[in-house]
Amino acid sequence: MKINIEEIEDFGETEITIKCQSISKEILDFINEYKLIDNRLWGILDKQSYILNLMDIYYIETIDNKVFAYTKDKVYEINHKLYALENMLPSKYFFRSSKSMIINISKIVSIKSLFNGRMQASLDNNESVIISRSNVILFKEKLGVGK
């Protein structure tokens, strides 16, 4: 990959152009990670806004049309829709585990199959989250776990 930087006096807003033969997953991941850095993930707690470090987030969940990010010991309200966050968050770390949740797979310490085709992931903060039956195959592929 080649990177060119051109300084232009009085140019206005900074612009990034990507030239490629085809749009690869690597390029899409780069764009999504850049969008997240550019937009910053803000969380609201006790009427104050905080910039959240993505690696401190254990999971993001939607409840009653509100979106919350859970860290080790705090819960922040997020002003994004879950589907938008799914496209913004780096897919290397975050996985859509169900219609209402995105999990940070780097926080998983163990997984187990449940009787109804779902899976349960235990996180390093002693919480457990459910991977829906429809997402189990993708989840196993992402982790490199056998069927």
C-alpha atoms as a PDB file:
ATOM      1  CA  MET A   1       0.000   0.000   0.000  1.00  0.00           C
ATOM      2  CA  LYS A   2       1.267   3.429  -0.928  1.00  0.00           C
ATOM      3  CA  ILE A   3       0.426   6.573   1.087  1.00  0.00           C
ATOM      4  CA  ASN A   4       0.683  10.071  -0.387  1.00  0.00           C
ATOM      5  CA  ILE A   5       0.284  13.257   1.629  1.00  0.00           C
ATOM      6  CA  GLU A   6      -0.013  16.584  -0.110  1.00  0.00           C
ATOM      7  CA  GLU A   7      -0.022  19.894   1.784  1.00  0.00           C
ATOM      8  CA  ILE A   8      -2.061  22.592   0.057  1.00  0.00           C
ATOM      9  CA  GLU A   9      -2.270  26.058   1.561  1.00  0.00           C
ATOM     10  CA  ASP A  10      -5.843  27.378   1.975  1.00  0.00           C
ATOM     11  CA  PHE A  11      -7.295  23.981   0.986  1.00  0.00           C
ATOM     12  CA  GLY A  12     -10.235  23.913   3.410  1.00  0.00           C
ATOM     13  CA  GLU A  13     -11.504  20.663   4.880  1.00  0.00           C
ATOM     14  CA  THR A  14      -9.050  17.742   4.879  1.00  0.00           C
ATOM     15  CA  GLU A  15      -9.890  15.115   2.284  1.00  0.00           C
ATOM     16  CA  ILE A  16      -8.865  11.461   2.047  1.00  0.00           C
ATOM     17  CA  THR A  17      -8.984   9.674  -1.318  1.00  0.00           C
ATOM     18  CA  ILE A  18      -8.506   5.922  -1.649  1.00  0.00           C
ATOM     19  CA  LYS A  19      -7.534   4.546  -5.067  1.00  0.00           C
ATOM     20  CA  CYS A  20      -7.832   0.781  -5.485  1.00  0.00           C
ATOM     21  CA  GLN A  21      -8.619  -1.933  -8.043  1.00  0.00           C
ATOM     22  CA  SER A  22     -11.453  -3.228  -5.864  1.00  0.00           C
ATOM     23  CA  ILE A  23     -12.861  -2.488  -2.430  1.00  0.00           C
ATOM     24  CA  SER A  24     -11.555  -5.131  -0.045  1.00  0.00           C
ATOM     25  CA  LYS A  25     -12.550  -5.975   3.516  1.00  0.00           C
ATOM     26  CA  GLU A  26      -9.253  -4.422   4.643  1.00  0.00           C
ATOM     27  CA  ILE A  27     -10.208  -1.102   3.033  1.00  0.00           C
ATOM     28  CA  LEU A  28     -13.722  -1.181   4.505  1.00  0.00           C
ATOM     29  CA  ASP A  29     -12.289  -1.958   7.967  1.00  0.00           C
ATOM     30  CA  PHE A  30      -9.868   0.966   7.618  1.00  0.00           C
ATOM     31  CA  ILE A  31     -12.688   3.326   6.611  1.00  0.00           C
ATOM     32  CA  ASN A  32     -14.914   2.190   9.483  1.00  0.00           C
ATOM     33  CA  GLU A  33     -12.108   2.551  12.019  1.00  0.00           C
ATOM     34  CA  TYR A  34     -11.320   6.017  10.677  1.00  0.00           C
ATOM     35  CA  LYS A  35     -14.994   7.008  10.865  1.00  0.00           C
ATOM     36  CA  LEU A  36     -15.078   5.953  14.497  1.00  0.00           C
ATOM     37  CA  ILE A  37     -11.949   7.953  15.336  1.00  0.00           C
ATOM     38  CA  ASP A  38     -13.305  10.932  13.411  1.00  0.00           C
ATOM     39  CA  ASN A  39     -16.750  10.776  15.019  1.00  0.00           C
ATOM     40  CA  ARG A  40     -15.574   9.650  18.449  1.00  0.00           C
ATOM     41  CA  LEU A  41     -17.773   7.415  20.522  1.00  0.00           C
ATOM     42  CA  TRP A  42     -19.339   9.535  23.190  1.00  0.00           C
ATOM     43  CA  GLY A  43     -21.228   8.163  26.146  1.00  0.00           C
ATOM     44  CA  ILE A  44     -23.510   9.968  28.579  1.00  0.00           C
ATOM     45  CA  LEU A  45     -23.478   9.218  32.301  1.00  0.00           C
ATOM     46  CA  ASP A  46     -25.165  11.348  34.953  1.00  0.00           C
ATOM     47  CA  LYS A  47     -25.860  14.130  32.426  1.00  0.00           C
ATOM     48  CA  GLN A  48     -22.145  14.392  31.534  1.00  0.00           C
ATOM     49  CA  SER A  49     -20.526  13.335  28.256  1.00  0.00           C
ATOM     50  CA  TYR A  50     -17.447  11.122  28.154  1.00  0.00           C
ATOM     51  CA  ILE A  51     -15.190   9.913  25.357  1.00  0.00           C
ATOM     52  CA  LEU A  52     -15.171   6.137  25.579  1.00  0.00           C
ATOM     53  CA  ASN A  53     -12.124   4.027  24.855  1.00  0.00           C
ATOM     54  CA  LEU A  54     -13.422   1.211  22.649  1.00  0.00           C
ATOM     55  CA  MET A  55     -11.338  -1.417  24.385  1.00  0.00           C
ATOM     56  CA  ASP A  56     -13.016  -0.546  27.699  1.00  0.00           C
ATOM     57  CA  ILE A  57     -16.423  -1.467  26.274  1.00  0.00           C
ATOM     58  CA  TYR A  58     -17.616  -4.993  27.089  1.00  0.00           C
ATOM     59  CA  TYR A  59     -20.849  -4.875  25.123  1.00  0.00           C
ATOM     60  CA  ILE A  60     -23.394  -2.497  23.658  1.00  0.00           C
ATOM     61  CA  GLU A  61     -27.082  -3.187  24.047  1.00  0.00           C
ATOM     62  CA  THR A  62     -30.336  -1.608  22.982  1.00  0.00           C
ATOM     63  CA  ILE A  63     -33.178  -1.464  25.500  1.00  0.00           C
ATOM     64  CA  ASP A  64     -36.472   0.374  24.894  1.00  0.00           C
ATOM     65  CA  ASN A  65     -35.057   2.208  21.839  1.00  0.00           C
ATOM     66  CA  LYS A  66     -32.047   3.475  23.805  1.00  0.00           C
ATOM     67  CA  VAL A  67     -28.477   2.257  23.294  1.00  0.00           C
ATOM     68  CA  PHE A  68     -26.121   1.614  26.206  1.00  0.00           C
ATOM     69  CA  ALA A  69     -22.398   0.807  26.330  1.00  0.00           C
ATOM     70  CA  TYR A  70     -21.284  -1.319  29.275  1.00  0.00           C
ATOM     71  CA  THR A  71     -17.779  -0.975  30.647  1.00  0.00           C
ATOM     72  CA  LYS A  72     -16.352  -2.919  33.589  1.00  0.00           C
ATOM     73  CA  ASP A  73     -18.351  -0.971  36.160  1.00  0.00           C
ATOM     74  CA  LYS A  74     -20.330   1.757  34.361  1.00  0.00           C
ATOM     75  CA  VAL A  75     -23.155   2.042  31.842  1.00  0.00           C
ATOM     76  CA  TYR A  76     -23.202   4.914  29.347  1.00  0.00           C
ATOM     77  CA  GLU A  77     -26.026   5.936  27.061  1.00  0.00           C
ATOM     78  CA  ILE A  78     -24.916   6.232  23.430  1.00  0.00           C
ATOM     79  CA  ASN A  79     -26.542   8.495  20.840  1.00  0.00           C
ATOM     80  CA  HIS A  80     -26.192   6.075  17.920  1.00  0.00           C
ATOM     81  CA  LYS A  81     -28.412   3.294  16.641  1.00  0.00           C
ATOM     82  CA  LEU A  82     -27.089  -0.230  17.085  1.00  0.00           C
ATOM     83  CA  TYR A  83     -26.962  -0.883  13.327  1.00  0.00           C
ATOM     84  CA  ALA A  84     -24.859   2.283  12.838  1.00  0.00           C
ATOM     85  CA  LEU A  85     -22.451   1.228  15.583  1.00  0.00           C
ATOM     86  CA  GLU A  86     -22.148  -2.207  14.012  1.00  0.00           C
ATOM     87  CA  ASN A  87     -20.816  -0.541  10.845  1.00  0.00           C
ATOM     88  CA  MET A  88     -18.586   1.901  12.741  1.00  0.00           C
ATOM     89  CA  LEU A  89     -16.942  -0.418  15.269  1.00  0.00           C
ATOM     90  CA  PRO A  90     -13.869  -2.392  14.186  1.00  0.00           C
ATOM     91  CA  SER A  91     -15.098  -5.871  13.215  1.00  0.00           C
ATOM     92  CA  LYS A  92     -11.802  -7.267  14.471  1.00  0.00           C
ATOM     93  CA  TYR A  93     -13.055  -6.754  18.058  1.00  0.00           C
ATOM     94  CA  PHE A  94     -16.823  -6.299  17.930  1.00  0.00           C
ATOM     95  CA  PHE A  95     -19.457  -8.837  16.899  1.00  0.00           C
ATOM     96  CA  ARG A  96     -23.234  -8.528  16.542  1.00  0.00           C
ATOM     97  CA  SER A  97     -24.341 -11.343  18.851  1.00  0.00           C
ATOM     98  CA  SER A  98     -28.092 -10.722  18.577  1.00  0.00           C
ATOM     99  CA  LYS A  99     -30.631  -8.185  17.317  1.00  0.00           C
ATOM    100  CA  SER A 100     -30.110  -6.142  20.467  1.00  0.00           C
ATOM    101  CA  MET A 101     -26.412  -6.595  21.296  1.00  0.00           C
ATOM    102  CA  ILE A 102     -22.856  -6.123  20.038  1.00  0.00           C
ATOM    103  CA  ILE A 103     -20.088  -7.735  22.108  1.00  0.00           C
ATOM    104  CA  ASN A 104     -16.375  -7.025  22.391  1.00  0.00           C
ATOM    105  CA  ILE A 105     -14.886 -10.444  21.668  1.00  0.00           C
ATOM    106  CA  SER A 106     -11.583  -9.481  23.297  1.00  0.00           C
ATOM    107  CA  LYS A 107     -13.404  -9.500  26.666  1.00  0.00           C
ATOM    108  CA  ILE A 108     -14.561 -13.131  26.327  1.00  0.00           C
ATOM    109  CA  VAL A 109     -12.927 -15.642  28.674  1.00  0.00           C
ATOM    110  CA  SER A 110     -15.069 -18.712  27.904  1.00  0.00           C
ATOM    111  CA  ILE A 111     -17.973 -19.898  25.781  1.00  0.00           C
ATOM    112  CA  LYS A 112     -20.439 -22.733  26.104  1.00  0.00           C
ATOM    113  CA  SER A 113     -23.229 -24.147  23.997  1.00  0.00           C
ATOM    114  CA  LEU A 114     -26.754 -23.954  25.317  1.00  0.00           C
ATOM    115  CA  PHE A 115     -29.456 -26.562  24.708  1.00  0.00           C
ATOM    116  CA  ASN A 116     -31.455 -24.477  22.205  1.00  0.00           C
ATOM    117  CA  GLY A 117     -28.694 -23.757  19.685  1.00  0.00           C
ATOM    118  CA  ARG A 118     -27.580 -20.532  21.320  1.00  0.00           C
ATOM    119  CA  MET A 119     -24.225 -19.926  23.015  1.00  0.00           C
ATOM    120  CA  GLN A 120     -23.258 -18.185  26.205  1.00  0.00           C
ATOM    121  CA  ALA A 121     -20.081 -16.118  26.411  1.00  0.00           C
ATOM    122  CA  SER A 122     -18.591 -15.323  29.818  1.00  0.00           C
ATOM    123  CA  LEU A 123     -16.769 -12.004  29.952  1.00  0.00           C
ATOM    124  CA  ASP A 124     -13.808 -11.070  32.126  1.00  0.00           C
ATOM    125  CA  ASN A 125     -16.047  -8.850  34.300  1.00  0.00           C
ATOM    126  CA  ASN A 126     -18.028 -11.978  35.383  1.00  0.00           C
ATOM    127  CA  GLU A 127     -21.038 -11.140  33.191  1.00  0.00           C
ATOM    128  CA  SER A 128     -22.483 -13.503  30.623  1.00  0.00           C
ATOM    129  CA  VAL A 129     -24.036 -12.624  27.277  1.00  0.00           C
ATOM    130  CA  ILE A 130     -26.008 -14.741  24.818  1.00  0.00           C
ATOM    131  CA  ILE A 131     -25.131 -15.318  21.174  1.00  0.00           C
ATOM    132  CA  SER A 132     -28.376 -15.914  19.288  1.00  0.00           C
ATOM    133  CA  ARG A 133     -28.905 -19.136  17.379  1.00  0.00           C
ATOM    134  CA  SER A 134     -28.816 -17.278  14.050  1.00  0.00           C
ATOM    135  CA  ASN A 135     -25.368 -15.789  14.816  1.00  0.00           C
ATOM    136  CA  VAL A 136     -23.654 -18.847  16.337  1.00  0.00           C
ATOM    137  CA  ILE A 137     -22.064 -20.081  13.093  1.00  0.00           C
ATOM    138  CA  LEU A 138     -20.577 -16.639  12.298  1.00  0.00           C
ATOM    139  CA  PHE A 139     -19.441 -16.316  15.901  1.00  0.00           C
ATOM    140  CA  LYS A 140     -17.623 -19.656  15.805  1.00  0.00           C
ATOM    141  CA  GLU A 141     -15.998 -18.729  12.495  1.00  0.00           C
ATOM    142  CA  LYS A 142     -14.849 -15.398  13.909  1.00  0.00           C
ATOM    143  CA  LEU A 143     -13.276 -17.128  16.917  1.00  0.00           C
ATOM    144  CA  GLY A 144     -11.906 -20.009  14.846  1.00  0.00           C
ATOM    145  CA  VAL A 145     -13.825 -22.526  16.961  1.00  0.00           C
ATOM    146  CA  GLY A 146     -14.962 -25.848  15.439  1.00  0.00           C
ATOM    147  CA  LYS A 147     -18.638 -26.586  14.880  1.00  0.00           C
END
